Amino acid sequence: MIPAAPKFRKVVLLLKNLESKDSDILSTIRIEHDDCAMIITGSYVIITEEENNNKIDTPASIKGKIYHLDEIDSYKLFKD
């Protein structure tokens, strides 16, 4: 995870669906990230998740996703 980033139990993002056929109603796509860290920097949101952190023989790996703020309609953060 990013060392200084706040950690959350869950992050829910609602992304704008720009391919929607109805121009009056903006549809969204829901994406959830569990046990992750999130930071907002400049025009981007960076979310990182740790994988294989419960297995003793397998080293943990980190995967990350970068979203442009123009893509995001809203977000909700869940802490413990």
C-alpha atoms as a PDB file:
ATOM      1  CA  MET A   1       0.000   0.000   0.000  1.00  0.00           C
ATOM      2  CA  ILE A   2       1.032   3.605  -0.268  1.00  0.00           C
ATOM      3  CA  PRO A   3       2.758   4.300   3.086  1.00  0.00           C
ATOM      4  CA  ALA A   4       1.131   7.674   3.889  1.00  0.00           C
ATOM      5  CA  ALA A   5      -2.296   6.934   2.366  1.00  0.00           C
ATOM      6  CA  PRO A   6      -5.294   6.465   4.678  1.00  0.00           C
ATOM      7  CA  LYS A   7      -6.585   2.890   4.779  1.00  0.00           C
ATOM      8  CA  PHE A   8     -10.256   1.925   4.474  1.00  0.00           C
ATOM      9  CA  ARG A   9     -12.307  -1.219   4.994  1.00  0.00           C
ATOM     10  CA  LYS A  10     -14.155  -0.481   1.749  1.00  0.00           C
ATOM     11  CA  VAL A  11     -14.231   2.211  -0.946  1.00  0.00           C
ATOM     12  CA  VAL A  12     -17.262   2.431  -3.248  1.00  0.00           C
ATOM     13  CA  LEU A  13     -16.909   4.464  -6.438  1.00  0.00           C
ATOM     14  CA  LEU A  14     -19.711   5.452  -8.781  1.00  0.00           C
ATOM     15  CA  LEU A  15     -18.169   6.003 -12.201  1.00  0.00           C
ATOM     16  CA  LYS A  16     -19.925   7.992 -14.901  1.00  0.00           C
ATOM     17  CA  ASN A  17     -21.126   5.864 -17.797  1.00  0.00           C
ATOM     18  CA  LEU A  18     -20.370   8.180 -20.702  1.00  0.00           C
ATOM     19  CA  GLU A  19     -21.682   5.656 -23.241  1.00  0.00           C
ATOM     20  CA  SER A  20     -25.252   5.976 -21.943  1.00  0.00           C
ATOM     21  CA  LYS A  21     -27.761   6.450 -24.744  1.00  0.00           C
ATOM     22  CA  ASP A  22     -30.084   8.665 -22.682  1.00  0.00           C
ATOM     23  CA  SER A  23     -28.534  12.134 -22.445  1.00  0.00           C
ATOM     24  CA  ASP A  24     -31.025  13.313 -19.797  1.00  0.00           C
ATOM     25  CA  ILE A  25     -30.131  10.629 -17.241  1.00  0.00           C
ATOM     26  CA  LEU A  26     -26.490   9.956 -16.428  1.00  0.00           C
ATOM     27  CA  SER A  27     -26.057   6.292 -15.528  1.00  0.00           C
ATOM     28  CA  THR A  28     -23.269   5.115 -13.241  1.00  0.00           C
ATOM     29  CA  ILE A  29     -21.181   2.000 -12.741  1.00  0.00           C
ATOM     30  CA  ARG A  30     -20.516   0.839  -9.162  1.00  0.00           C
ATOM     31  CA  ILE A  31     -17.021  -0.398  -8.279  1.00  0.00           C
ATOM     32  CA  GLU A  32     -15.972  -1.643  -4.835  1.00  0.00           C
ATOM     33  CA  HIS A  33     -12.473  -1.995  -3.399  1.00  0.00           C
ATOM     34  CA  ASP A  34     -12.023  -3.855  -0.076  1.00  0.00           C
ATOM     35  CA  ASP A  35      -9.213  -3.354   2.463  1.00  0.00           C
ATOM     36  CA  CYS A  36      -7.510  -0.654   0.467  1.00  0.00           C
ATOM     37  CA  ALA A  37      -5.754   2.690   0.651  1.00  0.00           C
ATOM     38  CA  MET A  38      -6.955   5.742  -1.265  1.00  0.00           C
ATOM     39  CA  ILE A  39      -5.462   9.124  -2.036  1.00  0.00           C
ATOM     40  CA  ILE A  40      -6.626  12.013  -4.188  1.00  0.00           C
ATOM     41  CA  THR A  41      -3.745  13.794  -5.866  1.00  0.00           C
ATOM     42  CA  GLY A  42      -4.152  16.483  -8.482  1.00  0.00           C
ATOM     43  CA  SER A  43      -6.812  15.255 -10.920  1.00  0.00           C
ATOM     44  CA  TYR A  44      -6.495  11.569 -10.001  1.00  0.00           C
ATOM     45  CA  VAL A  45      -7.694   9.086  -7.382  1.00  0.00           C
ATOM     46  CA  ILE A  46      -5.259   6.260  -6.624  1.00  0.00           C
ATOM     47  CA  ILE A  47      -6.517   3.112  -4.900  1.00  0.00           C
ATOM     48  CA  THR A  48      -4.205   0.278  -3.862  1.00  0.00           C
ATOM     49  CA  GLU A  49      -5.135  -3.171  -2.522  1.00  0.00           C
ATOM     50  CA  GLU A  50      -2.927  -5.816  -0.956  1.00  0.00           C
ATOM     51  CA  GLU A  51      -3.235  -9.380  -2.275  1.00  0.00           C
ATOM     52  CA  ASN A  52      -2.256 -12.718  -0.665  1.00  0.00           C
ATOM     53  CA  ASN A  53      -1.831 -11.083   2.730  1.00  0.00           C
ATOM     54  CA  ASN A  54      -3.339 -14.056   4.625  1.00  0.00           C
ATOM     55  CA  LYS A  55      -1.060 -16.762   3.249  1.00  0.00           C
ATOM     56  CA  ILE A  56       2.188 -17.392   5.086  1.00  0.00           C
ATOM     57  CA  ASP A  57       4.130 -18.938   2.187  1.00  0.00           C
ATOM     58  CA  THR A  58       3.092 -16.381  -0.431  1.00  0.00           C
ATOM     59  CA  PRO A  59       4.541 -12.856  -0.306  1.00  0.00           C
ATOM     60  CA  ALA A  60       2.023 -10.042  -0.426  1.00  0.00           C
ATOM     61  CA  SER A  61       1.635  -8.128  -3.656  1.00  0.00           C
ATOM     62  CA  ILE A  62      -0.027  -4.800  -4.233  1.00  0.00           C
ATOM     63  CA  LYS A  63      -2.311  -3.902  -7.108  1.00  0.00           C
ATOM     64  CA  GLY A  64      -3.377  -0.365  -7.842  1.00  0.00           C
ATOM     65  CA  LYS A  65      -5.932   1.444  -9.945  1.00  0.00           C
ATOM     66  CA  ILE A  66      -5.823   5.069 -11.070  1.00  0.00           C
ATOM     67  CA  TYR A  67      -9.027   6.951 -11.898  1.00  0.00           C
ATOM     68  CA  HIS A  68      -9.271  10.443 -13.382  1.00  0.00           C
ATOM     69  CA  LEU A  69     -11.582  12.690 -11.347  1.00  0.00           C
ATOM     70  CA  ASP A  70     -13.641  13.393 -14.488  1.00  0.00           C
ATOM     71  CA  GLU A  71     -14.635   9.684 -14.491  1.00  0.00           C
ATOM     72  CA  ILE A  72     -15.967   9.714 -10.922  1.00  0.00           C
ATOM     73  CA  ASP A  73     -19.524  10.747 -10.086  1.00  0.00           C
ATOM     74  CA  SER A  74     -19.206  10.094  -6.326  1.00  0.00           C
ATOM     75  CA  TYR A  75     -17.491   7.919  -3.732  1.00  0.00           C
ATOM     76  CA  LYS A  76     -18.159   6.551  -0.249  1.00  0.00           C
ATOM     77  CA  LEU A  77     -15.502   5.547   2.282  1.00  0.00           C
ATOM     78  CA  PHE A  78     -15.968   2.931   5.033  1.00  0.00           C
ATOM     79  CA  LYS A  79     -13.560   2.877   7.971  1.00  0.00           C
ATOM     80  CA  ASP A  80     -13.517   0.311  10.790  1.00  0.00           C
END
